[in-house]
Protein backbone atom coordinates (compact mmCIF):
# COMPACT_ATOMS: atom_id res chain seq x y z
CA MET A 1 -12.92 -12.42 51.04
CA ARG A 2 -14.43 -15.06 53.30
CA LYS A 3 -13.86 -18.72 52.54
CA SER A 4 -14.74 -21.88 54.40
CA THR A 5 -11.97 -24.21 55.48
CA LYS A 6 -13.04 -26.59 52.75
CA SER A 7 -12.84 -24.00 50.00
CA ILE A 8 -9.48 -22.70 51.22
CA LEU A 9 -8.06 -26.17 50.68
CA LYS A 10 -9.45 -26.41 47.16
CA TYR A 11 -6.91 -26.35 44.40
CA THR A 12 -8.24 -23.81 41.92
CA LEU A 13 -7.94 -23.96 38.16
CA VAL A 14 -7.97 -21.33 35.45
CA VAL A 15 -10.02 -23.08 32.81
CA VAL A 16 -11.87 -22.34 29.64
CA ILE A 17 -11.56 -18.61 29.52
CA PHE A 18 -13.96 -18.08 26.67
CA LEU A 19 -16.19 -15.07 26.10
CA THR A 20 -18.75 -16.08 28.72
CA CYS A 21 -15.83 -16.53 31.07
CA VAL A 22 -14.52 -12.99 30.89
CA PRO A 23 -16.29 -10.79 33.44
CA ILE A 24 -15.37 -7.17 32.72
CA LEU A 25 -14.77 -4.39 35.21
CA LEU A 26 -14.94 -0.93 33.62
CA GLN A 27 -12.61 1.18 35.71
CA ARG A 28 -13.53 4.80 36.58
CA LEU A 29 -16.56 4.49 34.26
CA SER A 30 -15.19 6.40 31.78
CA PRO A 31 7.43 -7.47 22.61
CA ASP A 32 9.01 -9.93 21.34
CA ASN A 33 8.86 -13.77 21.36
CA GLY A 34 12.48 -14.50 22.24
CA GLN A 35 13.22 -17.39 24.56
CA LEU A 36 13.74 -15.95 28.01
CA GLN A 37 15.37 -18.95 29.61
CA GLN A 38 17.61 -17.35 32.19
CA ILE A 39 16.88 -17.48 35.89
CA GLY A 40 16.36 -13.98 37.28
CA ARG A 41 18.66 -12.52 39.90
CA GLU A 42 17.54 -12.64 43.48
CA THR A 43 15.65 -9.48 44.25
CA ASN A 44 14.42 -7.77 47.38
CA ILE A 45 11.56 -5.32 47.79
CA LYS A 46 13.11 -2.50 49.79
CA ASP A 47 9.98 -0.69 50.89
CA HIS A 48 6.23 -0.50 50.45
CA ALA A 49 6.49 2.23 47.84
CA ILE A 50 7.81 -0.06 45.11
CA ALA A 51 6.47 0.92 41.69
CA ALA A 52 3.95 -1.59 40.40
CA VAL A 53 5.04 -1.27 36.77
CA ALA A 54 8.25 -0.20 35.13
CA PRO A 55 7.77 3.12 33.29
CA VAL A 56 7.67 3.20 29.51
CA ALA A 57 8.61 6.20 27.39
CA PRO A 58 5.56 7.61 25.54
CA HIS A 59 7.16 7.10 22.12
CA LEU A 60 7.52 3.38 22.82
CA VAL A 61 3.80 2.85 23.45
CA GLN A 62 2.04 1.40 20.41
CA HIS A 63 -1.28 2.95 19.43
CA ILE A 64 -3.38 0.51 17.44
CA ASP A 65 -6.99 0.92 16.38
CA TYR A 66 -7.96 -2.57 17.51
CA ALA A 67 -11.67 -2.02 16.89
CA SER A 68 -11.04 -1.72 13.15
CA LEU A 69 -9.16 -5.01 12.87
CA PRO A 70 -10.67 -8.19 11.43
CA LYS A 71 -11.04 -11.31 13.56
CA LYS A 72 -9.63 -14.81 13.32
CA ASP A 73 -9.91 -18.25 14.88
CA TRP A 74 -7.17 -18.53 17.52
CA HIS A 75 -7.77 -22.21 18.37
CA ASP A 76 -4.76 -24.52 18.21
CA TYR A 77 -6.50 -27.51 16.64
CA ALA A 78 -3.36 -29.64 16.57
CA ARG A 79 -2.98 -29.24 20.34
CA ILE A 80 -6.70 -29.87 20.89
CA LYS A 81 -6.46 -33.09 18.89
CA SER A 82 -3.33 -34.31 20.70
CA ASP A 83 -4.85 -33.50 24.10
CA ALA A 84 -8.02 -35.41 23.22
CA ALA A 85 -5.92 -38.51 22.51
CA ARG A 86 -4.06 -38.47 25.83
CA THR A 87 -4.68 -41.30 28.28
CA GLY A 88 -3.30 -42.05 31.71
CA PRO A 89 -3.74 -41.02 35.35
CA GLY A 90 -5.79 -37.85 35.69
CA GLU A 91 -6.02 -37.25 31.95
CA GLN A 92 -9.17 -35.52 30.67
CA GLY A 93 -9.70 -34.22 34.21
CA ARG A 94 -10.62 -37.61 35.62
CA PRO A 95 -10.11 -38.28 39.34
CA TYR A 96 -7.09 -40.23 40.51
CA ILE A 97 -8.05 -43.16 42.75
CA LEU A 98 -5.54 -43.93 45.47
CA SER A 99 -4.51 -47.52 46.03
CA PRO A 100 -4.69 -48.93 49.58
CA GLU A 101 -0.93 -48.50 49.87
CA GLU A 102 -1.06 -44.89 48.72
CA LYS A 103 -3.82 -44.09 51.21
CA LYS A 104 -1.46 -44.87 54.10
CA ASN A 105 0.46 -41.66 53.43
CA GLU A 106 -2.51 -39.54 52.42
CA HIS A 107 -2.49 -37.34 55.54
CA GLN A 108 1.21 -36.62 55.16
CA ASP A 109 0.68 -35.61 51.53
CA PHE A 110 -1.93 -33.04 52.61
CA SER A 111 0.01 -31.60 55.52
CA LYS A 112 2.27 -29.19 53.60
CA HIS A 113 0.10 -27.96 50.75
CA GLY A 114 -3.58 -28.59 51.49
CA PHE A 115 -3.83 -30.98 48.56
CA ASN A 116 -2.49 -34.43 47.76
CA LYS A 117 1.07 -33.83 46.55
CA HIS A 118 1.62 -37.50 45.78
CA ILE A 119 -1.13 -37.45 43.16
CA SER A 120 0.31 -34.30 41.61
CA ASP A 121 3.68 -36.01 41.34
CA VAL A 122 2.08 -39.00 39.60
CA LEU A 123 0.09 -36.99 37.04
CA SER A 124 1.71 -35.71 33.88
CA VAL A 125 2.75 -32.06 34.04
CA GLU A 126 1.12 -31.74 30.60
CA ARG A 127 -2.12 -33.55 31.32
CA ALA A 128 -5.21 -32.84 29.21
CA LEU A 129 -8.41 -31.28 30.50
CA PRO A 130 -11.94 -31.57 29.09
CA ASP A 131 -13.23 -28.68 27.01
CA ILE A 132 -16.41 -27.73 28.87
CA ARG A 133 -17.12 -24.44 27.13
CA ASP A 134 -20.49 -23.38 25.82
CA PRO A 135 -20.68 -24.71 22.21
CA ARG A 136 -20.95 -21.14 20.92
CA CYS A 137 -17.49 -20.36 22.31
CA LYS A 138 -15.89 -23.07 20.22
CA THR A 139 -16.63 -21.14 17.02
CA MET A 140 -15.92 -17.61 18.26
CA GLU A 141 -13.22 -15.50 16.67
CA TYR A 142 -11.13 -12.73 18.21
CA LEU A 143 -9.12 -9.81 16.88
CA VAL A 144 -6.41 -10.84 14.44
CA LYS A 145 -3.88 -8.77 16.40
CA LEU A 146 -3.83 -8.66 20.18
CA PRO A 147 -1.44 -7.22 22.79
CA ASN A 148 1.13 -9.61 24.21
CA THR A 149 1.23 -10.54 27.87
CA SER A 150 3.49 -11.07 30.85
CA ILE A 151 2.06 -13.71 33.16
CA VAL A 152 2.98 -13.17 36.82
CA ILE A 153 2.80 -16.20 39.12
CA PRO A 154 3.72 -15.71 42.80
CA PHE A 155 4.55 -18.75 44.90
CA HIS A 156 5.82 -19.75 48.33
CA ASN A 157 6.91 -23.36 48.98
CA GLU A 158 4.70 -24.58 46.14
CA ALA A 159 4.89 -28.26 45.16
CA LEU A 160 7.26 -28.46 42.20
CA SER A 161 5.05 -30.74 40.11
CA VAL A 162 2.10 -28.38 40.58
CA LEU A 163 4.15 -25.36 39.53
CA LYS A 164 5.44 -27.25 36.49
CA ARG A 165 1.87 -28.15 35.48
CA THR A 166 0.80 -24.52 35.78
CA VAL A 167 3.63 -23.38 33.51
CA HIS A 168 3.17 -26.12 30.92
CA SER A 169 -0.57 -25.54 30.67
CA ILE A 170 0.07 -21.88 29.92
CA ILE A 171 2.74 -22.56 27.31
CA ASN A 172 0.83 -25.41 25.64
CA ARG A 173 -2.47 -23.53 25.40
CA SER A 174 -1.36 -19.96 24.66
CA PRO A 175 -0.62 -18.61 21.16
CA PRO A 176 3.18 -18.11 21.11
CA GLU A 177 2.92 -14.61 19.65
CA LEU A 178 0.71 -13.52 22.58
CA LEU A 179 2.84 -15.04 25.35
CA HIS A 180 5.67 -12.59 25.99
CA GLU A 181 6.96 -14.12 29.23
CA ILE A 182 6.07 -16.08 32.35
CA ILE A 183 7.48 -14.61 35.55
CA LEU A 184 7.63 -16.92 38.56
CA VAL A 185 8.06 -14.84 41.71
CA ASP A 186 9.37 -16.72 44.74
CA ASP A 187 8.29 -15.25 48.06
CA PHE A 188 11.34 -16.50 49.95
CA SER A 189 10.59 -20.24 49.79
CA ASP A 190 12.60 -22.56 52.02
CA HIS A 191 11.55 -25.92 50.56
CA ASP A 192 14.46 -27.51 48.74
CA GLU A 193 12.53 -28.32 45.57
CA CYS A 194 11.70 -24.63 45.11
CA LYS A 195 15.41 -23.83 44.82
CA GLU A 196 17.91 -25.63 42.57
CA PRO A 197 15.47 -28.27 41.24
CA LEU A 198 13.13 -25.48 40.13
CA ASN A 199 16.01 -23.49 38.63
CA ASP A 200 17.37 -26.50 36.78
CA TYR A 201 13.99 -27.36 35.32
CA MET A 202 12.76 -23.92 34.32
CA VAL A 203 16.02 -22.93 32.64
CA THR A 204 15.04 -25.41 29.92
CA VAL A 205 11.52 -23.97 29.48
CA PRO A 206 11.15 -21.10 26.98
CA LYS A 207 9.97 -17.66 28.13
CA VAL A 208 10.17 -18.46 31.86
CA ARG A 209 12.00 -16.21 34.32
CA ILE A 210 12.35 -16.70 38.07
CA ILE A 211 12.61 -13.73 40.42
CA ARG A 212 13.31 -14.32 44.10
CA ALA A 213 12.62 -12.06 47.06
CA THR A 214 15.34 -12.15 49.73
CA LYS A 215 12.86 -11.89 52.60
CA ARG A 216 9.24 -12.89 53.08
CA GLU A 217 7.05 -10.21 51.49
CA GLY A 218 3.56 -11.72 51.40
CA LEU A 219 1.28 -12.34 48.46
CA ILE A 220 0.54 -8.75 47.42
CA ARG A 221 4.08 -7.38 47.39
CA THR A 222 5.26 -10.56 45.68
CA ARG A 223 2.77 -9.91 42.88
CA LEU A 224 3.94 -6.29 42.73
CA LEU A 225 7.53 -7.46 42.43
CA GLY A 226 6.63 -9.57 39.41
CA ALA A 227 4.64 -6.72 37.86
CA SER A 228 7.57 -4.33 38.32
CA ARG A 229 9.79 -6.62 36.24
CA ALA A 230 7.25 -7.38 33.52
CA THR A 231 7.65 -5.88 30.04
CA GLY A 232 4.59 -7.28 28.23
CA GLN A 233 1.73 -5.01 27.19
CA VAL A 234 -0.79 -6.79 29.41
CA LEU A 235 -0.28 -8.26 32.88
CA VAL A 236 -2.01 -11.53 33.70
CA PHE A 237 -1.89 -12.55 37.36
CA LEU A 238 -2.38 -16.25 38.10
CA ASP A 239 -1.91 -18.49 41.12
CA SER A 240 0.82 -21.11 41.21
CA HIS A 241 -1.68 -23.99 41.23
CA CYS A 242 -3.66 -23.35 38.06
CA GLU A 243 -4.17 -25.13 34.77
CA ALA A 244 -5.14 -23.04 31.75
CA ASN A 245 -7.61 -24.63 29.36
CA VAL A 246 -8.49 -24.34 25.68
CA ASN A 247 -8.10 -20.92 24.01
CA TRP A 248 -8.02 -19.21 27.39
CA LEU A 249 -5.95 -16.14 26.51
CA PRO A 250 -7.43 -14.38 23.41
CA PRO A 251 -10.78 -13.49 25.05
CA LEU A 252 -9.03 -11.82 27.97
CA LEU A 253 -6.71 -9.84 25.72
CA GLU A 254 -9.42 -8.77 23.29
CA SER A 255 -11.46 -7.19 26.08
CA ILE A 256 -8.46 -5.09 27.09
CA ALA A 257 -7.49 -4.29 23.49
CA LEU A 258 -10.94 -2.79 22.95
CA ASN A 259 -10.95 -0.93 26.28
CA ARG A 260 -7.63 -0.44 28.06
CA LYS A 261 -9.46 0.71 31.21
CA CYS A 262 -11.11 -2.65 31.66
CA ILE A 263 -9.88 -5.49 33.82
CA ALA A 264 -10.81 -8.93 32.51
CA CYS A 265 -11.34 -11.81 34.93
CA PRO A 266 -11.71 -15.48 33.96
CA MET A 267 -14.16 -18.00 35.27
CA ILE A 268 -12.27 -20.12 37.79
CA ASP A 269 -13.27 -23.76 37.84
CA VAL A 270 -12.04 -26.29 40.40
CA ILE A 271 -9.59 -29.15 40.65
CA GLY A 272 -10.41 -31.40 43.59
CA ASN A 273 -7.68 -31.20 46.19
CA ASN A 274 -8.00 -34.87 47.12
CA ASP A 275 -8.12 -36.55 43.70
CA TYR A 276 -7.46 -33.82 41.08
CA HIS A 277 -10.80 -34.28 39.35
CA TYR A 278 -12.01 -31.36 37.30
CA GLU A 279 -15.37 -29.69 37.88
CA THR A 280 -16.95 -26.49 36.62
CA GLN A 281 -17.46 -23.44 38.77
CA ALA A 282 -20.78 -23.42 40.61
CA GLY A 283 -23.36 -20.92 39.46
CA ASP A 284 -21.86 -20.16 36.04
CA ALA A 285 -21.72 -16.42 35.22
CA MET A 286 -22.23 -14.33 38.36
CA ARG A 287 -21.29 -10.83 39.51
CA GLY A 288 -18.91 -10.10 42.34
CA ALA A 289 -20.34 -8.30 45.37
CA PHE A 290 -19.89 -7.93 49.13
CA ASP A 291 -22.01 -7.67 52.24
CA TRP A 292 -21.82 -5.17 55.11
CA GLU A 293 -19.04 -7.21 56.70
CA LEU A 294 -17.01 -6.96 53.47
CA PHE A 295 -17.28 -10.67 52.77
CA TYR A 296 -16.97 -11.35 49.04
CA LYS A 297 -20.02 -12.91 47.42
CA ARG A 298 -21.16 -14.04 43.98
CA ILE A 299 -24.66 -13.00 42.97
CA PRO A 300 -26.73 -13.35 39.77
CA LEU A 301 -26.45 -10.88 36.92
CA THR A 302 -28.99 -8.05 36.85
CA GLU A 303 -31.84 -8.05 34.35
CA GLU A 304 -30.25 -5.03 32.71
CA GLU A 305 -26.96 -6.88 32.20
CA LEU A 306 -28.72 -9.99 30.89
CA LYS A 307 -30.55 -7.87 28.31
CA ARG A 308 -27.38 -5.97 27.33
CA ARG A 309 -25.51 -9.16 26.44
CA LYS A 310 -26.37 -10.53 23.03
CA HIS A 311 -25.67 -14.12 24.02
CA ALA A 312 -24.37 -16.26 26.89
CA ALA A 313 -20.84 -16.25 25.50
CA GLU A 314 -20.42 -12.48 25.83
CA PRO A 315 -18.47 -10.78 28.64
CA PHE A 316 -20.45 -9.29 31.50
CA ARG A 317 -19.78 -6.33 33.74
CA THR A 318 -19.32 -6.62 37.48
CA PRO A 319 -18.87 -3.99 40.22
CA ILE A 320 -16.45 -6.13 42.22
CA MET A 321 -13.74 -8.28 40.69
CA ALA A 322 -11.73 -11.18 42.04
CA GLY A 323 -8.35 -9.88 43.17
CA GLY A 324 -5.97 -12.68 42.26
CA LEU A 325 -6.61 -13.97 38.74
CA PHE A 326 -7.14 -11.31 36.10
CA ALA A 327 -5.70 -9.49 33.08
CA VAL A 328 -5.01 -5.75 32.99
CA ASP A 329 -3.20 -3.31 30.72
CA ARG A 330 0.25 -2.99 32.28
CA LEU A 331 0.39 0.81 32.11
CA TYR A 332 -3.18 1.20 33.32
CA PHE A 333 -2.38 -1.00 36.31
CA ASN A 334 0.26 1.55 37.22
CA GLU A 335 -2.06 4.49 36.56
CA ILE A 336 -4.59 3.28 39.14
CA GLY A 337 -1.84 2.56 41.66
CA GLY A 338 -1.62 -1.21 41.28
CA TYR A 339 -2.14 -3.23 44.41
CA ASP A 340 -1.87 -1.45 47.74
CA ALA A 341 1.58 -2.59 48.88
CA GLY A 342 0.53 -2.19 52.51
CA LEU A 343 -1.73 -5.25 52.31
CA GLU A 344 0.09 -7.80 54.43
CA ILE A 345 -2.02 -10.94 53.93
CA TRP A 346 -4.36 -12.53 51.40
CA GLY A 347 -7.84 -11.05 51.21
CA GLY A 348 -9.07 -7.53 50.49
CA GLU A 349 -7.16 -6.91 47.27
CA GLN A 350 -10.32 -7.40 45.22
CA TYR A 351 -11.91 -4.37 46.91
CA ASP A 352 -8.70 -2.34 46.65
CA LEU A 353 -8.58 -2.78 42.87
CA SER A 354 -12.33 -2.55 42.29
CA PHE A 355 -12.71 0.73 44.19
CA LYS A 356 -9.74 2.21 42.34
């Protein structure tokens, strides 16, 4: 995937994953809620042939006729109301304005992470975001029973406050019965705050586990390491600098419940890297594609796809998916071979998965 220097420095956000925001890739055309508070043992990937997903005995796999189930409203209205009442720096996705004194250290704040760490440290790790969904999405219902999920978040020397905000946004805006676990996978970080301070904080947060590689593995094998330890029915891969928004999880899970050979991708909006303001993704619903140089592109939906969808809040199909933020049935991910563990650097995984 080709990105400009400006876009590489942008701090991306998983927001408002409603039905319009769930592009669907149809592959091959054709459990519990206990508090997982312990910090995982340090782990090393020994070779490139690591299994992407732990095997599950056939008799342990649940077979549910999801299509026959009724639907319900999954919104957490108490959380929505409390978020709407929040005030303070950066709340409601507003930009943070640096004071003259703060501007003196602005370059230093950008040097390590590509975004202003100072602002992240000032903002609440549970800050509220605006609900920018299509009005139709605010009344949509999803299956009354959905598969649970393991959320895999790789990181390397991530700012601690950013990682905390990612985790809290997931916990605060996910139905507890659907959130099986959050797995933070450390790709051999050497920043101090990614070690004991992270351990000490996350041990108090329910359902969070930390797994650590004992040598630098790179983004793809770090994701595979997290997937190999996951036990939820669905894998959701996210970046370590995301903030989940209102009712983000049920639409992703419903798409997979109805078709286990589908990979569901969210719309990815943007948090400004210099002031943490929130803005929607440019272009709204668009397909993934690539040119002859294999540069990833976003192009409009076809007339056929526009006619197939009943309304703008319905998922759409795409030939090429984004490779980093998506939901997939855990066993199906293994069936198609997961990520190619030979990928050494970021970029290209979207084609690897899409072609499979």
